[in-house]
Amino acid sequence: MSLAAVLAFVAVPAVVEAQDTEWNRYTLEDLGGIFVRIESNDVCAAAGVTPGAYEADIALKLIDSEVGVLTQAEMLEHPAMPELRVTLNCASGSNGMSGTLAYSVSLRVQQSAQMLRDTQITLPEAVTWFTSEVGVTSEGQAADEVGASLMAGIEAFALAWTAINAEEEGVL
């Protein structure tokens, strides 16, 4: 009975509150675009959760939201080196829970930053915005469930991006 209660609780994806404050949105201002890097582990790949399965949908959503999508070369030439790092992690069920898959979807904006107290210190990858979600699904539904969680995160990012950049353009 208690196992069923635990599964019922974790079977619904849990969203970890996005770091989406005015200050965090400010860090997205005037970047002009962002490079998207998607990573996943071997357990995800075995369940059909691969970066290639989501790249086109992510790019289309960002472009539709007027978020510039940079190539890796363009990102490396940009002074902020803006990157949207998407990490997909999966773990297979065991001990009587075979066929289940726990997953996490993490999105974080990383960019070069300089410390105010000592401007000689620069960080090549400071996380300036993030969101994540965890859940449990069946291995057969993993690609769809993880994809839905991923696209919800992309939507949150696109809203943050357009909110700060629309304010700057005087659109809001």
C-alpha atoms as a PDB file:
ATOM      1  CA  MET A   1       0.000   0.000   0.000  1.00  0.00           C
ATOM      2  CA  SER A   2       2.754   2.470   0.892  1.00  0.00           C
ATOM      3  CA  LEU A   3       4.631   1.673  -2.354  1.00  0.00           C
ATOM      4  CA  ALA A   4       1.495   2.586  -4.311  1.00  0.00           C
ATOM      5  CA  ALA A   5       1.248   5.879  -2.430  1.00  0.00           C
ATOM      6  CA  VAL A   6       4.870   6.709  -3.182  1.00  0.00           C
ATOM      7  CA  LEU A   7       4.432   5.842  -6.867  1.00  0.00           C
ATOM      8  CA  ALA A   8       1.273   7.930  -7.074  1.00  0.00           C
ATOM      9  CA  PHE A   9       3.159  10.865  -5.611  1.00  0.00           C
ATOM     10  CA  VAL A  10       6.189  10.643  -7.912  1.00  0.00           C
ATOM     11  CA  ALA A  11       4.339   9.522 -11.033  1.00  0.00           C
ATOM     12  CA  VAL A  12       3.178  13.083 -11.540  1.00  0.00           C
ATOM     13  CA  PRO A  13       6.073  15.264 -12.680  1.00  0.00           C
ATOM     14  CA  ALA A  14       7.248  17.672 -10.014  1.00  0.00           C
ATOM     15  CA  VAL A  15       8.387  21.058 -11.182  1.00  0.00           C
ATOM     16  CA  VAL A  16      11.192  22.628  -9.237  1.00  0.00           C
ATOM     17  CA  GLU A  17      10.469  26.340  -9.229  1.00  0.00           C
ATOM     18  CA  ALA A  18      12.316  28.101 -12.007  1.00  0.00           C
ATOM     19  CA  GLN A  19      14.836  30.696 -11.083  1.00  0.00           C
ATOM     20  CA  ASP A  20      12.778  33.251 -12.989  1.00  0.00           C
ATOM     21  CA  THR A  21      12.925  36.564 -11.184  1.00  0.00           C
ATOM     22  CA  GLU A  22      13.290  40.041 -12.592  1.00  0.00           C
ATOM     23  CA  TRP A  23      17.022  39.854 -11.876  1.00  0.00           C
ATOM     24  CA  ASN A  24      17.372  36.507 -13.654  1.00  0.00           C
ATOM     25  CA  ARG A  25      15.396  37.760 -16.613  1.00  0.00           C
ATOM     26  CA  TYR A  26      17.647  40.807 -16.723  1.00  0.00           C
ATOM     27  CA  THR A  27      20.579  38.478 -17.463  1.00  0.00           C
ATOM     28  CA  LEU A  28      18.788  37.429 -20.673  1.00  0.00           C
ATOM     29  CA  GLU A  29      18.461  40.998 -21.900  1.00  0.00           C
ATOM     30  CA  ASP A  30      20.033  41.883 -25.248  1.00  0.00           C
ATOM     31  CA  LEU A  31      21.849  38.551 -25.665  1.00  0.00           C
ATOM     32  CA  GLY A  32      20.567  38.400 -29.231  1.00  0.00           C
ATOM     33  CA  GLY A  33      20.434  34.616 -29.181  1.00  0.00           C
ATOM     34  CA  ILE A  34      21.453  31.466 -27.406  1.00  0.00           C
ATOM     35  CA  PHE A  35      23.207  28.222 -28.311  1.00  0.00           C
ATOM     36  CA  VAL A  36      21.285  25.086 -27.288  1.00  0.00           C
ATOM     37  CA  ARG A  37      23.234  22.050 -26.033  1.00  0.00           C
ATOM     38  CA  ILE A  38      21.291  18.899 -25.120  1.00  0.00           C
ATOM     39  CA  GLU A  39      22.851  16.092 -23.096  1.00  0.00           C
ATOM     40  CA  SER A  40      21.415  12.773 -21.920  1.00  0.00           C
ATOM     41  CA  ASN A  41      22.704   9.654 -20.215  1.00  0.00           C
ATOM     42  CA  ASP A  42      22.808   6.050 -21.488  1.00  0.00           C
ATOM     43  CA  VAL A  43      19.642   5.001 -19.630  1.00  0.00           C
ATOM     44  CA  CYS A  44      17.714   7.786 -21.377  1.00  0.00           C
ATOM     45  CA  ALA A  45      19.141   6.741 -24.747  1.00  0.00           C
ATOM     46  CA  ALA A  46      18.059   3.131 -24.177  1.00  0.00           C
ATOM     47  CA  ALA A  47      14.502   4.384 -23.573  1.00  0.00           C
ATOM     48  CA  GLY A  48      14.495   6.493 -26.746  1.00  0.00           C
ATOM     49  CA  VAL A  49      15.155   9.754 -24.916  1.00  0.00           C
ATOM     50  CA  THR A  50      17.922  11.164 -27.098  1.00  0.00           C
ATOM     51  CA  PRO A  51      18.969  14.758 -27.814  1.00  0.00           C
ATOM     52  CA  GLY A  52      18.239  14.319 -31.507  1.00  0.00           C
ATOM     53  CA  ALA A  53      14.609  13.459 -30.759  1.00  0.00           C
ATOM     54  CA  TYR A  54      13.972  16.963 -29.412  1.00  0.00           C
ATOM     55  CA  GLU A  55      16.365  19.314 -31.243  1.00  0.00           C
ATOM     56  CA  ALA A  56      13.966  20.344 -34.017  1.00  0.00           C
ATOM     57  CA  ASP A  57      11.031  20.960 -31.634  1.00  0.00           C
ATOM     58  CA  ILE A  58      13.205  23.072 -29.343  1.00  0.00           C
ATOM     59  CA  ALA A  59      14.595  25.147 -32.214  1.00  0.00           C
ATOM     60  CA  LEU A  60      11.113  25.725 -33.665  1.00  0.00           C
ATOM     61  CA  LYS A  61       9.681  26.774 -30.303  1.00  0.00           C
ATOM     62  CA  LEU A  62      12.536  29.194 -29.667  1.00  0.00           C
ATOM     63  CA  ILE A  63      12.374  30.691 -33.155  1.00  0.00           C
ATOM     64  CA  ASP A  64       8.568  31.030 -32.904  1.00  0.00           C
ATOM     65  CA  SER A  65       9.095  32.845 -29.596  1.00  0.00           C
ATOM     66  CA  GLU A  66      11.602  35.200 -31.237  1.00  0.00           C
ATOM     67  CA  VAL A  67      14.536  33.767 -29.315  1.00  0.00           C
ATOM     68  CA  GLY A  68      17.589  33.795 -31.544  1.00  0.00           C
ATOM     69  CA  VAL A  69      19.208  30.374 -31.911  1.00  0.00           C
ATOM     70  CA  LEU A  70      22.987  30.566 -32.258  1.00  0.00           C
ATOM     71  CA  THR A  71      25.346  28.047 -33.776  1.00  0.00           C
ATOM     72  CA  GLN A  72      28.209  26.891 -31.574  1.00  0.00           C
ATOM     73  CA  ALA A  73      30.626  29.092 -33.565  1.00  0.00           C
ATOM     74  CA  GLU A  74      28.377  32.139 -33.094  1.00  0.00           C
ATOM     75  CA  MET A  75      28.095  31.412 -29.373  1.00  0.00           C
ATOM     76  CA  LEU A  76      31.883  31.203 -29.011  1.00  0.00           C
ATOM     77  CA  GLU A  77      32.296  34.567 -30.773  1.00  0.00           C
ATOM     78  CA  HIS A  78      29.686  36.236 -28.524  1.00  0.00           C
ATOM     79  CA  PRO A  79      31.189  38.033 -25.487  1.00  0.00           C
ATOM     80  CA  ALA A  80      28.678  36.373 -23.125  1.00  0.00           C
ATOM     81  CA  MET A  81      28.991  32.890 -24.685  1.00  0.00           C
ATOM     82  CA  PRO A  82      25.256  32.321 -24.012  1.00  0.00           C
ATOM     83  CA  GLU A  83      24.248  28.678 -23.827  1.00  0.00           C
ATOM     84  CA  LEU A  84      20.989  26.967 -22.911  1.00  0.00           C
ATOM     85  CA  ARG A  85      22.207  23.676 -21.430  1.00  0.00           C
ATOM     86  CA  VAL A  86      19.509  21.004 -21.424  1.00  0.00           C
ATOM     87  CA  THR A  87      20.294  17.922 -19.338  1.00  0.00           C
ATOM     88  CA  LEU A  88      18.137  14.789 -19.474  1.00  0.00           C
ATOM     89  CA  ASN A  89      18.866  12.148 -16.839  1.00  0.00           C
ATOM     90  CA  CYS A  90      17.099   8.819 -16.465  1.00  0.00           C
ATOM     91  CA  ALA A  91      17.299   5.895 -14.047  1.00  0.00           C
ATOM     92  CA  SER A  92      15.692   2.484 -14.569  1.00  0.00           C
ATOM     93  CA  GLY A  93      13.477   0.965 -11.911  1.00  0.00           C
ATOM     94  CA  SER A  94      14.674  -2.038  -9.946  1.00  0.00           C
ATOM     95  CA  ASN A  95      13.524  -4.225  -7.043  1.00  0.00           C
ATOM     96  CA  GLY A  96      10.131  -5.047  -8.482  1.00  0.00           C
ATOM     97  CA  MET A  97       9.794  -1.759 -10.334  1.00  0.00           C
ATOM     98  CA  SER A  98      11.191  -2.890 -13.670  1.00  0.00           C
ATOM     99  CA  GLY A  99       9.619  -1.140 -16.609  1.00  0.00           C
ATOM    100  CA  THR A 100       9.614   2.190 -14.781  1.00  0.00           C
ATOM    101  CA  LEU A 101      11.906   5.085 -15.440  1.00  0.00           C
ATOM    102  CA  ALA A 102      12.658   8.049 -13.193  1.00  0.00           C
ATOM    103  CA  TYR A 103      13.762  11.148 -15.056  1.00  0.00           C
ATOM    104  CA  SER A 104      14.885  14.710 -14.569  1.00  0.00           C
ATOM    105  CA  VAL A 105      14.857  17.521 -17.099  1.00  0.00           C
ATOM    106  CA  SER A 106      17.078  20.484 -16.312  1.00  0.00           C
ATOM    107  CA  LEU A 107      17.441  23.687 -18.313  1.00  0.00           C
ATOM    108  CA  ARG A 108      19.977  26.311 -17.362  1.00  0.00           C
ATOM    109  CA  VAL A 109      21.321  29.378 -19.086  1.00  0.00           C
ATOM    110  CA  GLN A 110      25.069  29.609 -18.736  1.00  0.00           C
ATOM    111  CA  GLN A 111      27.041  32.626 -19.780  1.00  0.00           C
ATOM    112  CA  SER A 112      30.309  34.352 -19.105  1.00  0.00           C
ATOM    113  CA  ALA A 113      30.179  36.666 -16.082  1.00  0.00           C
ATOM    114  CA  GLN A 114      32.464  39.114 -14.357  1.00  0.00           C
ATOM    115  CA  MET A 115      32.562  39.705 -10.618  1.00  0.00           C
ATOM    116  CA  LEU A 116      31.689  43.195  -9.431  1.00  0.00           C
ATOM    117  CA  ARG A 117      34.022  43.266  -6.432  1.00  0.00           C
ATOM    118  CA  ASP A 118      37.007  42.257  -8.560  1.00  0.00           C
ATOM    119  CA  THR A 119      36.532  42.777 -12.300  1.00  0.00           C
ATOM    120  CA  GLN A 120      39.698  40.815 -13.021  1.00  0.00           C
ATOM    121  CA  ILE A 121      37.767  37.663 -12.084  1.00  0.00           C
ATOM    122  CA  THR A 122      35.640  36.276 -14.887  1.00  0.00           C
ATOM    123  CA  LEU A 123      33.673  33.076 -14.875  1.00  0.00           C
ATOM    124  CA  PRO A 124      33.308  31.345 -18.236  1.00  0.00           C
ATOM    125  CA  GLU A 125      30.083  29.562 -17.204  1.00  0.00           C
ATOM    126  CA  ALA A 126      27.859  31.223 -14.645  1.00  0.00           C
ATOM    127  CA  VAL A 127      24.293  29.896 -14.368  1.00  0.00           C
ATOM    128  CA  THR A 128      21.968  32.879 -14.681  1.00  0.00           C
ATOM    129  CA  TRP A 129      18.563  31.216 -15.204  1.00  0.00           C
ATOM    130  CA  PHE A 130      17.272  27.671 -14.627  1.00  0.00           C
ATOM    131  CA  THR A 131      14.289  25.383 -14.304  1.00  0.00           C
ATOM    132  CA  SER A 132      13.983  21.651 -13.711  1.00  0.00           C
ATOM    133  CA  GLU A 133      11.386  18.927 -13.438  1.00  0.00           C
ATOM    134  CA  VAL A 134      11.464  15.349 -12.175  1.00  0.00           C
ATOM    135  CA  GLY A 135       9.057  12.505 -12.728  1.00  0.00           C
ATOM    136  CA  VAL A 136       8.488   8.778 -13.079  1.00  0.00           C
ATOM    137  CA  THR A 137       7.019   7.073 -16.114  1.00  0.00           C
ATOM    138  CA  SER A 138       6.993   3.738 -17.888  1.00  0.00           C
ATOM    139  CA  GLU A 139       9.898   2.986 -20.183  1.00  0.00           C
ATOM    140  CA  GLY A 140       7.449   2.849 -23.103  1.00  0.00           C
ATOM    141  CA  GLN A 141       6.160   6.363 -22.407  1.00  0.00           C
ATOM    142  CA  ALA A 142       9.537   7.885 -21.538  1.00  0.00           C
ATOM    143  CA  ALA A 143      10.131   9.737 -24.807  1.00  0.00           C
ATOM    144  CA  ASP A 144       6.694  11.386 -24.662  1.00  0.00           C
ATOM    145  CA  GLU A 145       6.764  12.186 -20.927  1.00  0.00           C
ATOM    146  CA  VAL A 146      10.303  13.551 -20.948  1.00  0.00           C
ATOM    147  CA  GLY A 147       9.524  15.458 -24.144  1.00  0.00           C
ATOM    148  CA  ALA A 148       6.479  17.085 -22.523  1.00  0.00           C
ATOM    149  CA  SER A 149       8.534  18.087 -19.476  1.00  0.00           C
ATOM    150  CA  LEU A 150      11.291  19.404 -21.712  1.00  0.00           C
ATOM    151  CA  MET A 151       8.929  21.493 -23.808  1.00  0.00           C
ATOM    152  CA  ALA A 152       7.310  22.928 -20.651  1.00  0.00           C
ATOM    153  CA  GLY A 153      10.784  24.065 -19.596  1.00  0.00           C
ATOM    154  CA  ILE A 154      11.474  25.521 -23.046  1.00  0.00           C
ATOM    155  CA  GLU A 155       8.168  27.384 -22.823  1.00  0.00           C
ATOM    156  CA  ALA A 156       9.147  28.835 -19.415  1.00  0.00           C
ATOM    157  CA  PHE A 157      12.494  29.939 -20.837  1.00  0.00           C
ATOM    158  CA  ALA A 158      10.916  31.465 -23.944  1.00  0.00           C
ATOM    159  CA  LEU A 159       8.445  33.414 -21.782  1.00  0.00           C
ATOM    160  CA  ALA A 160      11.261  34.762 -19.601  1.00  0.00           C
ATOM    161  CA  TRP A 161      13.308  35.681 -22.674  1.00  0.00           C
ATOM    162  CA  THR A 162      10.495  37.452 -24.482  1.00  0.00           C
ATOM    163  CA  ALA A 163       9.301  39.233 -21.338  1.00  0.00           C
ATOM    164  CA  ILE A 164      12.634  40.980 -20.709  1.00  0.00           C
ATOM    165  CA  ASN A 165      13.423  41.628 -24.342  1.00  0.00           C
ATOM    166  CA  ALA A 166       9.917  42.907 -25.143  1.00  0.00           C
ATOM    167  CA  GLU A 167      10.190  45.351 -22.210  1.00  0.00           C
ATOM    168  CA  GLU A 168      13.439  46.654 -23.644  1.00  0.00           C
ATOM    169  CA  GLU A 169      11.846  47.199 -27.033  1.00  0.00           C
ATOM    170  CA  GLY A 170       8.913  48.988 -25.414  1.00  0.00           C
ATOM    171  CA  VAL A 171       6.464  46.369 -26.641  1.00  0.00           C
ATOM    172  CA  LEU A 172       4.942  45.539 -23.233  1.00  0.00           C
END
